C-alpha atoms as a PDB file:
ATOM      1  CA  MET A   1       8.895  16.341 -26.125  1.00  0.00           C
ATOM      2  CA  GLY A   2       7.633  19.094 -23.904  1.00  0.00           C
ATOM      3  CA  THR A   3       6.768  19.526 -20.274  1.00  0.00           C
ATOM      4  CA  PRO A   4       4.559  16.728 -18.919  1.00  0.00           C
ATOM      5  CA  ILE A   5       0.891  17.589 -18.777  1.00  0.00           C
ATOM      6  CA  THR A   6       0.422  15.838 -15.410  1.00  0.00           C
ATOM      7  CA  GLN A   7       1.696  16.929 -12.003  1.00  0.00           C
ATOM      8  CA  GLY A   8       1.981  13.729  -9.987  1.00  0.00           C
ATOM      9  CA  ILE A   9      -0.570  11.400  -8.464  1.00  0.00           C
ATOM     10  CA  HIS A  10      -3.637  12.945  -6.831  1.00  0.00           C
ATOM     11  CA  HIS A  11      -5.110   9.644  -5.703  1.00  0.00           C
ATOM     12  CA  MET A  12      -5.253   5.977  -6.554  1.00  0.00           C
ATOM     13  CA  GLY A  13      -8.417   3.879  -6.389  1.00  0.00           C
ATOM     14  CA  LEU A  14      -8.169   0.320  -5.112  1.00  0.00           C
ATOM     15  CA  THR A  15     -10.964  -2.244  -4.999  1.00  0.00           C
ATOM     16  CA  VAL A  16     -10.642  -4.189  -1.755  1.00  0.00           C
ATOM     17  CA  SER A  17     -12.433  -7.217  -0.339  1.00  0.00           C
ATOM     18  CA  ARG A  18     -12.065  -6.185   3.330  1.00  0.00           C
ATOM     19  CA  LEU A  19     -12.842  -2.457   3.397  1.00  0.00           C
ATOM     20  CA  GLU A  20     -12.572  -1.714   7.129  1.00  0.00           C
ATOM     21  CA  GLU A  21      -9.482  -3.896   7.605  1.00  0.00           C
ATOM     22  CA  SER A  22      -7.756  -2.341   4.591  1.00  0.00           C
ATOM     23  CA  ALA A  23      -8.503   1.185   5.858  1.00  0.00           C
ATOM     24  CA  ASP A  24      -7.236   0.171   9.298  1.00  0.00           C
ATOM     25  CA  PHE A  25      -3.962  -1.071   7.735  1.00  0.00           C
ATOM     26  CA  PHE A  26      -3.251   2.421   6.414  1.00  0.00           C
ATOM     27  CA  ASN A  27      -4.679   4.398   9.328  1.00  0.00           C
ATOM     28  CA  SER A  28      -3.709   2.420  12.423  1.00  0.00           C
ATOM     29  CA  LEU A  29      -0.527   0.739  11.241  1.00  0.00           C
ATOM     30  CA  LEU A  30       0.921   3.431   8.965  1.00  0.00           C
ATOM     31  CA  GLY A  31      -0.435   6.574  10.635  1.00  0.00           C
ATOM     32  CA  TRP A  32      -2.562   7.749   7.708  1.00  0.00           C
ATOM     33  CA  LYS A  33      -5.826   9.650   8.247  1.00  0.00           C
ATOM     34  CA  GLU A  34      -9.322   8.906   7.043  1.00  0.00           C
ATOM     35  CA  VAL A  35     -10.391  11.755   4.756  1.00  0.00           C
ATOM     36  CA  ARG A  36     -14.012  10.736   4.287  1.00  0.00           C
ATOM     37  CA  ARG A  37     -16.416   7.866   3.697  1.00  0.00           C
ATOM     38  CA  ASN A  38     -19.072   7.122   1.161  1.00  0.00           C
ATOM     39  CA  ASP A  39     -21.374   4.580   2.786  1.00  0.00           C
ATOM     40  CA  GLU A  40     -23.528   4.279  -0.344  1.00  0.00           C
ATOM     41  CA  TYR A  41     -20.717   2.939  -2.537  1.00  0.00           C
ATOM     42  CA  PRO A  42     -19.154   1.955   0.035  1.00  0.00           C
ATOM     43  CA  ALA A  43     -15.697   3.532   0.065  1.00  0.00           C
ATOM     44  CA  ILE A  44     -13.179   4.919   2.536  1.00  0.00           C
ATOM     45  CA  TYR A  45     -10.668   7.576   1.473  1.00  0.00           C
ATOM     46  CA  VAL A  46      -7.336   7.655   3.341  1.00  0.00           C
ATOM     47  CA  SER A  47      -4.310   9.929   3.007  1.00  0.00           C
ATOM     48  CA  ASP A  48      -0.733  10.255   4.232  1.00  0.00           C
ATOM     49  CA  GLY A  49      -0.915  14.008   3.626  1.00  0.00           C
ATOM     50  CA  LYS A  50       0.728  13.766   0.212  1.00  0.00           C
ATOM     51  CA  MET A  51      -1.421  11.266  -1.648  1.00  0.00           C
ATOM     52  CA  MET A  52      -4.848   9.749  -1.190  1.00  0.00           C
ATOM     53  CA  LEU A  53      -6.126   6.221  -1.692  1.00  0.00           C
ATOM     54  CA  SER A  54      -9.763   5.538  -2.499  1.00  0.00           C
ATOM     55  CA  LEU A  55     -10.570   2.133  -1.035  1.00  0.00           C
ATOM     56  CA  TRP A  56     -13.657   0.766  -2.771  1.00  0.00           C
ATOM     57  CA  ALA A  57     -15.488  -2.274  -1.402  1.00  0.00           C
ATOM     58  CA  ALA A  58     -15.847  -5.155  -3.854  1.00  0.00           C
ATOM     59  CA  LYS A  59     -19.391  -6.471  -4.152  1.00  0.00           C
ATOM     60  CA  ASP A  60     -18.342 -10.098  -4.124  1.00  0.00           C
ATOM     61  CA  GLU A  61     -15.318 -11.972  -2.862  1.00  0.00           C
ATOM     62  CA  PRO A  62     -12.922 -12.557  -5.775  1.00  0.00           C
ATOM     63  CA  SER A  63     -12.958 -16.086  -7.165  1.00  0.00           C
ATOM     64  CA  ASN A  64      -9.159 -16.352  -7.152  1.00  0.00           C
ATOM     65  CA  GLY A  65      -6.339 -14.326  -5.689  1.00  0.00           C
ATOM     66  CA  PHE A  66      -4.000 -11.995  -7.513  1.00  0.00           C
ATOM     67  CA  ASP A  67      -1.117 -13.575  -9.383  1.00  0.00           C
ATOM     68  CA  ARG A  68       1.519 -10.938 -10.157  1.00  0.00           C
ATOM     69  CA  LYS A  69       2.807 -12.989 -13.089  1.00  0.00           C
ATOM     70  CA  LYS A  70      -0.578 -13.609 -14.743  1.00  0.00           C
ATOM     71  CA  ASN A  71      -3.049 -10.841 -13.849  1.00  0.00           C
ATOM     72  CA  ILE A  72      -3.178  -7.533 -15.674  1.00  0.00           C
ATOM     73  CA  GLY A  73      -3.419  -4.564 -13.351  1.00  0.00           C
ATOM     74  CA  LEU A  74      -1.792  -3.422 -10.173  1.00  0.00           C
ATOM     75  CA  HIS A  75       1.393  -5.358  -9.393  1.00  0.00           C
ATOM     76  CA  HIS A  76       2.077  -3.544  -6.112  1.00  0.00           C
ATOM     77  CA  LEU A  77       2.082  -0.158  -4.400  1.00  0.00           C
ATOM     78  CA  ALA A  78       5.444   1.194  -3.243  1.00  0.00           C
ATOM     79  CA  PHE A  79       5.837   3.769  -0.482  1.00  0.00           C
ATOM     80  CA  GLN A  80       9.108   5.521   0.229  1.00  0.00           C
ATOM     81  CA  VAL A  81      10.289   5.820   3.833  1.00  0.00           C
ATOM     82  CA  GLY A  82      12.850   8.266   5.180  1.00  0.00           C
ATOM     83  CA  SER A  83      15.372   5.997   6.850  1.00  0.00           C
ATOM     84  CA  GLU A  84      16.512   2.435   7.324  1.00  0.00           C
ATOM     85  CA  ASN A  85      15.254   2.630  10.923  1.00  0.00           C
ATOM     86  CA  ALA A  86      11.811   3.643   9.644  1.00  0.00           C
ATOM     87  CA  LEU A  87      11.818   0.641   7.283  1.00  0.00           C
ATOM     88  CA  ILE A  88      12.768  -1.723  10.103  1.00  0.00           C
ATOM     89  CA  GLY A  89      10.173  -0.102  12.375  1.00  0.00           C
ATOM     90  CA  ILE A  90       7.402  -0.614   9.814  1.00  0.00           C
ATOM     91  CA  TYR A  91       8.472  -4.229   9.354  1.00  0.00           C
ATOM     92  CA  GLU A  92       8.380  -4.897  13.112  1.00  0.00           C
ATOM     93  CA  LYS A  93       4.988  -3.194  13.492  1.00  0.00           C
ATOM     94  CA  LEU A  94       3.437  -5.087  10.585  1.00  0.00           C
ATOM     95  CA  LYS A  95       4.942  -8.400  11.681  1.00  0.00           C
ATOM     96  CA  SER A  96       3.641  -8.032  15.245  1.00  0.00           C
ATOM     97  CA  SER A  97       0.168  -7.101  13.945  1.00  0.00           C
ATOM     98  CA  GLY A  98      -0.105 -10.339  11.950  1.00  0.00           C
ATOM     99  CA  ILE A  99       0.122  -8.754   8.485  1.00  0.00           C
ATOM    100  CA  ASN A 100       1.287 -11.246   5.840  1.00  0.00           C
ATOM    101  CA  ILE A 101       4.936 -10.382   5.094  1.00  0.00           C
ATOM    102  CA  GLU A 102       6.290 -11.529   1.699  1.00  0.00           C
ATOM    103  CA  PHE A 103       9.879 -10.653   2.625  1.00  0.00           C
ATOM    104  CA  SER A 104      11.594  -8.708   5.391  1.00  0.00           C
ATOM    105  CA  PRO A 105      13.854  -5.684   4.760  1.00  0.00           C
ATOM    106  CA  GLU A 106      16.622  -6.580   2.324  1.00  0.00           C
ATOM    107  CA  THR A 107      18.901  -4.882  -0.192  1.00  0.00           C
ATOM    108  CA  ALA A 108      17.087  -3.855  -3.356  1.00  0.00           C
ATOM    109  CA  GLY A 109      19.071  -4.660  -6.481  1.00  0.00           C
ATOM    110  CA  GLN A 110      22.699  -3.639  -6.057  1.00  0.00           C
ATOM    111  CA  GLY A 111      21.843  -1.367  -3.087  1.00  0.00           C
ATOM    112  CA  PRO A 112      22.233   0.767  -1.198  1.00  0.00           C
ATOM    113  CA  ALA A 113      18.409   0.889  -1.262  1.00  0.00           C
ATOM    114  CA  LYS A 114      16.520  -1.529   0.984  1.00  0.00           C
ATOM    115  CA  HIS A 115      12.916  -2.653   0.762  1.00  0.00           C
ATOM    116  CA  MET A 116      10.328  -5.070   2.088  1.00  0.00           C
ATOM    117  CA  MET A 117       7.033  -6.397   0.763  1.00  0.00           C
ATOM    118  CA  CYS A 118       3.782  -7.317   2.506  1.00  0.00           C
ATOM    119  CA  TYR A 119       0.098  -7.834   1.752  1.00  0.00           C
ATOM    120  CA  GLU A 120      -2.535  -5.521   3.167  1.00  0.00           C
ATOM    121  CA  PRO A 121      -5.679  -7.276   4.519  1.00  0.00           C
ATOM    122  CA  SER A 122      -7.413  -7.495   1.104  1.00  0.00           C
ATOM    123  CA  GLY A 123      -4.331  -9.081  -0.476  1.00  0.00           C
ATOM    124  CA  ILE A 124      -2.832  -6.089  -2.312  1.00  0.00           C
ATOM    125  CA  ARG A 125       0.987  -6.198  -2.375  1.00  0.00           C
ATOM    126  CA  VAL A 126       2.558  -3.209  -0.633  1.00  0.00           C
ATOM    127  CA  GLU A 127       6.247  -2.384  -0.764  1.00  0.00           C
ATOM    128  CA  PHE A 128       8.146  -0.054   1.549  1.00  0.00           C
ATOM    129  CA  ILE A 129      11.457   1.247   0.244  1.00  0.00           C
ATOM    130  CA  TRP A 130      14.278   3.350   1.625  1.00  0.00           C
ATOM    131  CA  HIS A 131      16.493   4.828  -1.079  1.00  0.00           C
ATOM    132  CA  GLY A 132      19.661   4.165   0.949  1.00  0.00           C
ATOM    133  CA  ILE A 133      21.230   7.604   0.958  1.00  0.00           C
END
């Protein structure tokens, strides 16, 4: 084995059913910035300054929701946060905004890491995790 050919994630493309609401989740609730738009596709590109998400509008509403135990593809996105207070702050902000929370901050595995899981407006599972040290 040699040195990996890749150098991390440049961006990730997600197909979403609620383009504006999904972009607003990242921009307004998480403090990301809109990088650009492509109204012809349509798509909105958002970034936290380290990685970019390409949010692509689905043409039609999906016939059934994502089932993490049956569907092939993205299980969830996980974003690291810098402190337990930041994790709790994100939870409180998302909860008060009406975002669907799967579970509130709790110990991940044997700890000391803590995490929480929610669904962004198009139904994609998003995890926030603090490594605990």
